[in-house]
Amino acid sequence: MKRFALERLRLWKDNPERKPLVIRGARQVGKTWLMQAFGAAAFNHTAYVNFDNNDVMKAVFEGDFYIPRLIAALQVECGCTITEKETLIIFDEVQECPLALSALKYFCEKAPGYPLIAAGSLLGVSTHKAVSFPVGKVEFLDLYPMSFSEFLVATGNEQMADVLKSRDWTLITHLKSKYMTLLRQYYFIGGMPEAVQSFIRHNDFAKVRDIQSRLLTAYDQDFSKHAPVEIVPRIRMVWNSIPSQLARENRKFIYGSLRSGARAKEFEVAIQWLQDSGLVYRVERIVKPELPLAAYSSNGFKLFMADIGMLAAKSGLDVRTVLDGNRMFTEYKGALTEQYVQQQLRSESSIAPYYWSAERGDAEIDFVFQHGMDVIPLEVKAEENLRAKSLIAYREKFNPRMSIRTSMSDYRKESWLINLPLYGIGQITDV
């Protein structure tokens, strides 16, 4: 399957000032496949090391960080000759060997000619432990589940993806029914590569759900295996509450929904663990849309899962909704649609959004984000509902230069508002 991150890796390779690259992302989003596919396509050789249950290589890094010694050991482990510029070195599950993570600093300073990529499913969690992280000596790439555009390419609809990229909205509108069918599929399948690959091979939603259920079980096992034992129950409480938190009209995370009398300080560490593992994303509320947005965040937030398909599975969404007209988009008061939009903002446009709501709670903008020197409000509609009460209230209060609504309606541009169809949300930074 084609991942758009491969192009970013090629740019990294060609950068004469590149540093070792760290790929971050949740379990099973395709980090290992991406690294190995890139090595096969862009280098003469790949030296792949997986530190999970690899005591021999862990012992190697317990010595000094003398690069020739490390290269010699890597050559023995991988059975290949490692040469500068010609061989890609891969450290997989690097969180299992903190000293290998620390060694990235020395590869950066002493041996920049060796291209090196490191990744790990719980890398974000491990950096909060006693690990000497090479701050300033590495670059980062965040890998997300497959975006809707990647899903189109993977399922043999590359031309549909190209048409979206062309922003030929007249042609896109003519193809609307096809896009909506594929979008319904994506809502159920999501972007976890194994689930997408299963659907491509078998065209069977039941097999997809089996894979999603297995991944959810694996995530739950990670809680017990890797999280401090005292916070595991709270992690599970937060994790299991996400579908019901998002199913409310107001999707603000409510601690009282976890248990009676629950307080933020009891669950902050649990939420942070889920964030560090890449399983959830936190969208902060801002009190006013001024730059920088982070300076105006308040204590409210929404919590989304990393993948819409996994949210559908955790919610127990019946496969028949895929076939039931537009019901898929409106299920759980449009929660799946809001999940979908924030996921595409991150994966397709590298946007980490915020949201705004009025103090009285009588108006809310689902997402706001910075684009250049502008703060753009984005309203999400799960239906062909063109009423924009909250957006109008926001405009009257803050007078943004441009506003965006995404819905099932077709593309149209007015003096102050652009309506983007949901399947075209990946083009948001270009319109």
Protein backbone atom coordinates (compact mmCIF):
# COMPACT_ATOMS: atom_id res chain seq x y z
CA MET A 1 0.00 0.00 0.00
CA LYS A 2 1.16 3.53 -0.73
CA ARG A 3 1.80 5.80 2.24
CA PHE A 4 2.21 9.49 1.58
CA ALA A 5 4.84 9.63 4.35
CA LEU A 6 7.26 7.96 1.92
CA GLU A 7 7.63 11.31 0.15
CA ARG A 8 8.53 12.98 3.44
CA LEU A 9 11.15 10.31 4.02
CA ARG A 10 12.66 10.99 0.60
CA LEU A 11 12.92 14.68 1.46
CA TRP A 12 14.62 13.72 4.72
CA LYS A 13 17.09 11.49 2.85
CA ASP A 14 18.02 14.27 0.41
CA ASN A 15 18.53 16.89 3.12
CA PRO A 16 22.31 17.42 3.51
CA GLU A 17 21.76 18.52 7.12
CA ARG A 18 19.53 15.63 8.12
CA LYS A 19 19.61 14.21 11.61
CA PRO A 20 18.54 10.74 12.78
CA LEU A 21 14.77 10.47 12.33
CA VAL A 22 12.34 9.29 14.99
CA ILE A 23 8.94 8.04 13.79
CA ARG A 24 6.16 8.33 16.34
CA GLY A 25 2.78 6.65 16.14
CA ALA A 26 0.41 4.20 17.80
CA ARG A 27 0.81 0.47 17.63
CA GLN A 28 0.03 -1.01 14.19
CA VAL A 29 -0.19 2.25 12.21
CA GLY A 30 2.50 0.93 9.84
CA LYS A 31 5.81 2.24 11.20
CA THR A 32 7.80 -0.96 10.56
CA TRP A 33 6.37 -1.40 7.06
CA LEU A 34 7.10 2.24 6.21
CA MET A 35 10.73 2.07 7.31
CA GLN A 36 11.42 -1.20 5.51
CA ALA A 37 9.61 -0.12 2.33
CA PHE A 38 11.60 3.11 2.31
CA GLY A 39 14.85 1.23 2.81
CA ALA A 40 14.09 -1.12 -0.08
CA ALA A 41 13.10 1.74 -2.41
CA ALA A 42 15.73 4.35 -1.59
CA PHE A 43 18.89 2.52 -0.45
CA ASN A 44 21.16 -0.26 -1.63
CA HIS A 45 20.96 -2.01 1.74
CA THR A 46 18.89 -1.91 4.92
CA ALA A 47 20.24 -2.84 8.35
CA TYR A 48 17.15 -3.63 10.43
CA VAL A 49 17.35 -4.17 14.20
CA ASN A 50 14.35 -4.92 16.40
CA PHE A 51 15.15 -4.40 20.08
CA ASP A 52 12.10 -6.28 21.36
CA ASN A 53 13.43 -9.38 23.19
CA ASN A 54 16.86 -8.77 21.67
CA ASP A 55 19.23 -9.08 24.63
CA VAL A 56 22.31 -9.31 22.41
CA MET A 57 21.82 -5.89 20.84
CA LYS A 58 20.73 -4.36 24.14
CA ALA A 59 24.07 -5.50 25.61
CA VAL A 60 25.94 -3.87 22.72
CA PHE A 61 24.57 -0.46 23.66
CA GLU A 62 25.47 -0.94 27.33
CA GLY A 63 29.07 -0.31 26.31
CA ASP A 64 30.34 3.01 25.00
CA PHE A 65 28.91 4.91 22.06
CA TYR A 66 32.01 4.56 19.88
CA ILE A 67 30.45 4.56 16.41
CA PRO A 68 32.84 2.10 14.66
CA ARG A 69 32.16 -0.46 17.41
CA LEU A 70 28.40 0.00 17.10
CA ILE A 71 28.54 -0.28 13.30
CA ALA A 72 30.58 -3.49 13.54
CA ALA A 73 28.00 -5.00 15.92
CA LEU A 74 25.11 -3.90 13.70
CA GLN A 75 26.76 -5.52 10.68
CA VAL A 76 27.02 -8.83 12.52
CA GLU A 77 23.41 -8.63 13.71
CA CYS A 78 22.02 -7.71 10.28
CA GLY A 79 24.34 -9.78 8.12
CA CYS A 80 25.20 -6.93 5.78
CA THR A 81 27.90 -4.35 5.21
CA ILE A 82 26.90 -0.91 6.43
CA THR A 83 28.27 2.00 4.42
CA GLU A 84 27.61 5.70 4.69
CA LYS A 85 24.84 7.02 2.43
CA GLU A 86 24.28 3.55 0.94
CA THR A 87 22.72 1.73 3.91
CA LEU A 88 19.65 2.70 5.91
CA ILE A 89 19.94 1.76 9.58
CA ILE A 90 16.61 1.01 11.30
CA PHE A 91 16.12 0.78 15.06
CA ASP A 92 12.67 -0.71 15.66
CA GLU A 93 10.93 -0.87 19.07
CA VAL A 94 13.75 1.38 20.25
CA GLN A 95 11.92 2.14 23.49
CA GLU A 96 12.97 -1.36 24.62
CA CYS A 97 16.62 -0.19 24.57
CA PRO A 98 16.84 3.33 26.01
CA LEU A 99 20.60 3.42 25.45
CA ALA A 100 20.05 2.92 21.71
CA LEU A 101 17.79 5.94 21.82
CA SER A 102 20.52 7.90 23.58
CA ALA A 103 23.01 6.75 20.94
CA LEU A 104 21.16 8.76 18.28
CA LYS A 105 22.93 11.86 19.64
CA TYR A 106 26.32 10.36 18.78
CA PHE A 107 25.23 9.27 15.32
CA CYS A 108 24.11 12.86 14.77
CA GLU A 109 27.33 14.42 16.03
CA LYS A 110 29.99 11.87 15.06
CA ALA A 111 28.56 9.98 12.08
CA PRO A 112 25.96 12.09 10.22
CA GLY A 113 26.70 10.18 7.01
CA TYR A 114 24.81 7.13 8.29
CA PRO A 115 21.07 7.56 7.63
CA LEU A 116 19.25 6.21 10.69
CA ILE A 117 15.54 5.91 11.49
CA ALA A 118 14.17 4.83 14.87
CA ALA A 119 10.60 3.96 15.84
CA GLY A 120 8.64 2.42 18.66
CA SER A 121 4.99 1.86 19.49
CA LEU A 122 5.33 3.26 23.01
CA LEU A 123 8.18 5.65 22.35
CA GLY A 124 6.25 8.61 23.74
CA VAL A 125 5.63 6.72 26.98
CA SER A 126 9.28 5.74 27.39
CA THR A 127 10.55 9.32 27.08
CA HIS A 128 8.93 10.12 30.43
CA LYS A 129 11.05 7.50 32.12
CA ALA A 130 14.75 7.71 33.00
CA VAL A 131 15.85 8.02 29.37
CA SER A 132 18.50 10.42 28.13
CA PHE A 133 16.56 11.61 25.10
CA PRO A 134 18.72 13.24 22.41
CA VAL A 135 16.95 16.60 22.43
CA GLY A 136 17.91 18.70 19.42
CA LYS A 137 19.81 15.82 17.82
CA VAL A 138 16.91 14.12 16.06
CA GLU A 139 14.04 14.95 13.71
CA PHE A 140 10.48 13.66 14.10
CA LEU A 141 7.84 12.26 11.80
CA ASP A 142 4.39 11.54 13.19
CA LEU A 143 2.72 8.60 11.46
CA TYR A 144 -1.06 8.35 11.67
CA PRO A 145 -3.55 5.74 10.47
CA MET A 146 -4.15 5.95 6.74
CA SER A 147 -5.98 9.08 5.67
CA PHE A 148 -9.06 8.99 3.47
CA SER A 149 -6.91 9.85 0.44
CA GLU A 150 -4.53 7.00 1.25
CA PHE A 151 -7.55 4.72 1.66
CA LEU A 152 -8.74 5.72 -1.81
CA VAL A 153 -5.37 4.87 -3.35
CA ALA A 154 -5.09 1.58 -1.46
CA THR A 155 -8.55 0.42 -2.54
CA GLY A 156 -7.86 0.99 -6.23
CA ASN A 157 -9.43 4.45 -6.43
CA GLU A 158 -6.26 6.44 -7.09
CA GLN A 159 -7.96 8.51 -9.79
CA MET A 160 -10.60 9.55 -7.26
CA ALA A 161 -7.80 10.72 -4.97
CA ASP A 162 -6.16 12.60 -7.86
CA VAL A 163 -9.41 14.38 -8.68
CA LEU A 164 -9.68 15.56 -5.06
CA LYS A 165 -6.11 16.78 -5.20
CA SER A 166 -6.86 18.71 -8.42
CA ARG A 167 -9.67 20.58 -6.62
CA ASP A 168 -11.84 20.40 -9.76
CA TRP A 169 -15.00 20.88 -7.71
CA THR A 170 -17.34 20.58 -10.69
CA LEU A 171 -16.00 17.11 -11.50
CA ILE A 172 -15.85 16.23 -7.79
CA THR A 173 -19.54 17.09 -7.44
CA HIS A 174 -20.41 14.81 -10.38
CA LEU A 175 -18.61 11.97 -8.55
CA LYS A 176 -20.32 12.70 -5.22
CA SER A 177 -22.23 9.41 -4.87
CA LYS A 178 -19.04 7.41 -5.40
CA TYR A 179 -17.14 9.48 -2.86
CA MET A 180 -19.94 9.07 -0.32
CA THR A 181 -19.96 5.29 -0.76
CA LEU A 182 -16.21 5.13 -0.20
CA LEU A 183 -16.44 7.51 2.75
CA ARG A 184 -19.04 5.29 4.44
CA GLN A 185 -16.63 2.38 4.03
CA TYR A 186 -13.80 4.43 5.51
CA TYR A 187 -15.90 5.37 8.53
CA PHE A 188 -16.27 1.66 9.33
CA ILE A 189 -12.85 0.35 8.23
CA GLY A 190 -10.74 3.31 9.27
CA GLY A 191 -7.08 3.66 8.46
CA MET A 192 -5.30 0.90 10.36
CA PRO A 193 -3.25 -0.74 7.58
CA GLU A 194 -4.08 -4.32 8.56
CA ALA A 195 -7.81 -3.58 8.51
CA VAL A 196 -7.55 -1.85 5.12
CA GLN A 197 -5.46 -4.69 3.70
CA SER A 198 -8.01 -7.25 4.90
CA PHE A 199 -10.84 -5.36 3.21
CA ILE A 200 -8.86 -5.18 -0.04
CA ARG A 201 -8.26 -8.93 0.01
CA HIS A 202 -11.61 -10.21 1.24
CA ASN A 203 -14.16 -7.40 0.84
CA ASP A 204 -15.56 -8.60 4.16
CA PHE A 205 -16.53 -6.11 6.87
CA ALA A 206 -16.79 -8.92 9.45
CA LYS A 207 -13.09 -9.77 8.97
CA VAL A 208 -12.27 -6.09 9.35
CA ARG A 209 -14.14 -5.95 12.65
CA ASP A 210 -12.30 -9.06 13.88
CA ILE A 211 -8.97 -7.31 13.25
CA GLN A 212 -10.14 -4.15 14.98
CA SER A 213 -11.33 -6.15 17.99
CA ARG A 214 -7.97 -7.89 18.19
CA LEU A 215 -6.14 -4.55 18.10
CA LEU A 216 -8.37 -3.18 20.86
CA THR A 217 -7.49 -6.23 22.96
CA ALA A 218 -3.79 -5.65 22.30
CA TYR A 219 -4.11 -2.03 23.40
CA ASP A 220 -5.78 -3.15 26.62
CA GLN A 221 -2.95 -5.61 27.24
CA ASP A 222 -0.43 -2.79 26.73
CA PHE A 223 -2.02 -0.94 29.62
CA SER A 224 -1.18 -3.76 32.02
CA LYS A 225 2.21 -4.49 30.50
CA HIS A 226 3.66 -1.00 30.14
CA ALA A 227 1.75 1.46 32.35
CA PRO A 228 2.44 1.92 36.08
CA VAL A 229 0.20 -0.53 37.86
CA GLU A 230 -1.44 2.15 40.01
CA ILE A 231 -2.86 4.05 37.01
CA VAL A 232 -3.99 1.08 34.88
CA PRO A 233 -7.59 1.12 36.22
CA ARG A 234 -7.85 4.85 35.49
CA ILE A 235 -6.41 4.40 31.98
CA ARG A 236 -9.10 1.82 31.27
CA MET A 237 -11.81 4.07 32.66
CA VAL A 238 -10.76 6.95 30.40
CA TRP A 239 -10.26 4.69 27.37
CA ASN A 240 -13.62 2.96 27.76
CA SER A 241 -15.45 6.25 28.25
CA ILE A 242 -14.41 7.84 24.94
CA PRO A 243 -17.38 6.61 22.83
CA SER A 244 -19.91 7.88 25.37
CA GLN A 245 -18.00 11.15 25.88
CA LEU A 246 -18.13 11.82 22.13
CA ALA A 247 -21.76 10.73 21.81
CA ARG A 248 -23.01 13.72 23.80
CA GLU A 249 -24.17 16.89 22.06
CA ASN A 250 -21.41 18.75 23.85
CA ARG A 251 -18.32 16.58 23.40
CA LYS A 252 -16.30 18.27 26.14
CA PHE A 253 -14.61 15.62 28.29
CA ILE A 254 -16.47 15.27 31.59
CA TYR A 255 -14.54 13.69 34.46
CA GLY A 256 -17.80 13.07 36.31
CA SER A 257 -18.77 10.62 33.57
CA LEU A 258 -15.92 8.36 34.67
CA ARG A 259 -17.28 7.99 38.18
CA SER A 260 -19.15 10.07 40.68
CA GLY A 261 -17.01 12.82 42.16
CA ALA A 262 -14.06 12.23 39.81
CA ARG A 263 -11.56 15.10 39.58
CA ALA A 264 -9.03 16.10 36.93
CA LYS A 265 -5.99 15.51 39.16
CA GLU A 266 -6.98 11.84 39.53
CA PHE A 267 -6.96 11.19 35.79
CA GLU A 268 -4.40 13.59 34.30
CA VAL A 269 -1.61 11.01 34.31
CA ALA A 270 -3.87 8.36 32.76
CA ILE A 271 -4.90 10.70 29.95
CA GLN A 272 -1.28 11.72 29.37
CA TRP A 273 -0.29 8.03 29.11
CA LEU A 274 -2.91 7.46 26.43
CA GLN A 275 -1.70 10.55 24.57
CA ASP A 276 1.93 9.48 24.78
CA SER A 277 1.04 6.05 23.41
CA GLY A 278 -0.61 7.70 20.40
CA LEU A 279 -4.02 6.19 21.16
CA VAL A 280 -5.86 9.44 21.82
CA TYR A 281 -5.65 13.07 20.75
CA ARG A 282 -6.65 15.96 22.93
CA VAL A 283 -8.34 19.00 21.38
CA GLU A 284 -8.11 21.96 23.76
CA ARG A 285 -10.73 24.67 24.14
CA ILE A 286 -9.63 28.26 23.55
CA VAL A 287 -11.31 31.28 25.09
CA LYS A 288 -10.56 33.54 22.12
CA PRO A 289 -9.03 33.00 18.67
CA GLU A 290 -5.77 34.92 18.91
CA LEU A 291 -2.21 33.89 18.20
CA PRO A 292 -0.62 31.82 19.52
CA LEU A 293 -3.65 29.64 20.13
CA ALA A 294 -1.92 27.68 22.89
CA ALA A 295 -1.74 30.84 24.98
CA TYR A 296 -5.53 31.08 25.02
CA SER A 297 -6.41 27.49 25.89
CA SER A 298 -8.66 26.86 28.88
CA ASN A 299 -9.26 23.81 31.05
CA GLY A 300 -11.81 22.25 28.68
CA PHE A 301 -10.94 19.66 26.07
CA LYS A 302 -12.32 16.91 23.84
CA LEU A 303 -10.69 13.51 23.58
CA PHE A 304 -10.65 11.62 20.29
CA MET A 305 -9.26 8.22 19.34
CA ALA A 306 -6.45 7.88 16.80
CA ASP A 307 -8.61 6.09 14.23
CA ILE A 308 -12.25 6.34 13.21
CA GLY A 309 -12.50 2.62 12.45
CA MET A 310 -11.29 1.77 15.94
CA LEU A 311 -13.84 4.18 17.40
CA ALA A 312 -16.57 2.51 15.33
CA ALA A 313 -15.44 -0.90 16.63
CA LYS A 314 -15.21 0.25 20.25
CA SER A 315 -18.69 1.77 19.91
CA GLY A 316 -20.08 -1.51 18.56
CA LEU A 317 -21.30 0.17 15.37
CA ASP A 318 -23.31 -2.31 13.31
CA VAL A 319 -21.99 -2.98 9.81
CA ARG A 320 -25.48 -2.44 8.38
CA THR A 321 -25.02 1.30 8.89
CA VAL A 322 -22.52 1.23 5.99
CA LEU A 323 -25.42 0.39 3.69
CA ASP A 324 -28.05 2.54 5.35
CA GLY A 325 -27.88 5.80 3.38
CA ASN A 326 -26.33 8.62 5.39
CA ARG A 327 -26.95 7.09 8.79
CA MET A 328 -23.23 6.35 9.17
CA PHE A 329 -22.40 10.05 9.20
CA THR A 330 -25.03 10.99 11.78
CA GLU A 331 -24.58 8.12 14.25
CA TYR A 332 -23.89 9.15 17.84
CA LYS A 333 -25.02 12.73 17.09
CA GLY A 334 -22.33 13.07 14.44
CA ALA A 335 -19.50 11.92 16.70
CA LEU A 336 -17.98 9.76 13.97
CA THR A 337 -17.94 12.71 11.59
CA GLU A 338 -16.17 14.95 14.09
CA GLN A 339 -13.68 12.13 14.77
CA TYR A 340 -13.15 11.79 11.01
CA VAL A 341 -12.50 15.49 10.49
CA GLN A 342 -9.97 15.89 13.28
CA GLN A 343 -8.19 12.73 12.09
CA GLN A 344 -7.87 14.09 8.54
CA LEU A 345 -6.69 17.47 9.79
CA ARG A 346 -3.77 15.77 11.50
CA SER A 347 -2.90 13.13 8.92
CA GLU A 348 -3.43 15.11 5.70
CA SER A 349 -2.66 18.68 6.75
CA SER A 350 -0.50 18.36 9.90
CA ILE A 351 -3.03 20.50 11.76
CA ALA A 352 -3.36 20.06 15.53
CA PRO A 353 -6.74 21.79 16.05
CA TYR A 354 -8.35 23.54 19.00
CA TYR A 355 -12.04 24.32 19.52
CA TRP A 356 -13.95 27.36 20.75
CA SER A 357 -17.13 27.68 22.78
CA ALA A 358 -18.87 30.69 24.26
CA GLU A 359 -18.73 31.13 28.02
CA ARG A 360 -22.51 30.72 28.25
CA GLY A 361 -22.33 27.57 26.14
CA ASP A 362 -24.79 28.88 23.55
CA ALA A 363 -22.32 28.64 20.62
CA GLU A 364 -19.46 26.32 19.73
CA ILE A 365 -17.05 25.99 16.80
CA ASP A 366 -15.95 22.38 16.42
CA PHE A 367 -12.37 23.22 15.41
CA VAL A 368 -10.18 26.28 15.03
CA PHE A 369 -6.65 26.26 13.69
CA GLN A 370 -3.86 28.56 12.65
CA HIS A 371 -3.05 29.00 8.96
CA GLY A 372 -0.32 31.55 8.39
CA MET A 373 -1.34 34.58 10.41
CA ASP A 374 -5.04 33.68 10.31
CA VAL A 375 -7.13 31.74 12.82
CA ILE A 376 -9.65 29.73 10.82
CA PRO A 377 -12.92 28.50 12.35
CA LEU A 378 -14.13 25.14 11.03
CA GLU A 379 -17.71 23.99 11.63
CA VAL A 380 -18.52 20.29 11.12
CA LYS A 381 -21.94 19.15 9.93
CA ALA A 382 -22.80 15.48 9.58
CA GLU A 383 -25.68 16.23 7.20
CA GLU A 384 -26.54 18.61 4.36
CA ASN A 385 -27.41 21.17 7.00
CA LEU A 386 -26.30 24.60 5.87
CA ARG A 387 -27.49 26.48 8.95
CA ALA A 388 -24.52 28.09 10.62
CA LYS A 389 -25.85 29.61 13.86
CA SER A 390 -22.62 29.11 15.83
CA LEU A 391 -20.45 30.16 12.92
CA ILE A 392 -22.47 33.37 12.48
CA ALA A 393 -22.18 34.11 16.21
CA TYR A 394 -18.43 33.51 16.06
CA ARG A 395 -18.11 35.77 13.00
CA GLU A 396 -20.04 38.58 14.64
CA LYS A 397 -17.82 38.35 17.73
CA PHE A 398 -14.38 37.89 16.16
CA ASN A 399 -14.73 38.87 12.46
CA PRO A 400 -12.43 36.21 10.91
CA ARG A 401 -11.19 36.85 7.38
CA MET A 402 -12.49 33.43 6.27
CA SER A 403 -14.59 30.66 7.77
CA ILE A 404 -14.97 27.04 6.68
CA ARG A 405 -17.81 24.58 7.07
CA THR A 406 -17.49 20.92 6.11
CA SER A 407 -20.66 18.95 5.46
CA MET A 408 -22.32 16.57 3.02
CA SER A 409 -23.20 19.54 0.83
CA ASP A 410 -21.19 20.36 -2.28
CA TYR A 411 -18.30 22.79 -2.50
CA ARG A 412 -19.20 26.43 -2.64
CA LYS A 413 -17.43 29.66 -1.82
CA GLU A 414 -19.02 32.84 -0.53
CA SER A 415 -17.45 36.11 0.51
CA TRP A 416 -16.83 34.92 4.07
CA LEU A 417 -17.50 31.17 3.98
CA ILE A 418 -16.23 28.11 2.13
CA ASN A 419 -18.26 24.91 2.29
CA LEU A 420 -16.06 21.86 1.83
CA PRO A 421 -17.65 18.44 1.30
CA LEU A 422 -16.57 15.99 3.97
CA TYR A 423 -14.67 13.84 1.48
CA GLY A 424 -12.68 16.93 0.43
CA ILE A 425 -11.52 17.97 3.91
CA GLY A 426 -7.98 16.90 3.03
CA GLN A 427 -7.76 19.92 0.73
CA ILE A 428 -8.49 22.40 3.51
CA THR A 429 -5.11 24.16 3.52
CA ASP A 430 -5.24 24.61 -0.28
CA VAL A 431 -8.70 26.17 -0.52
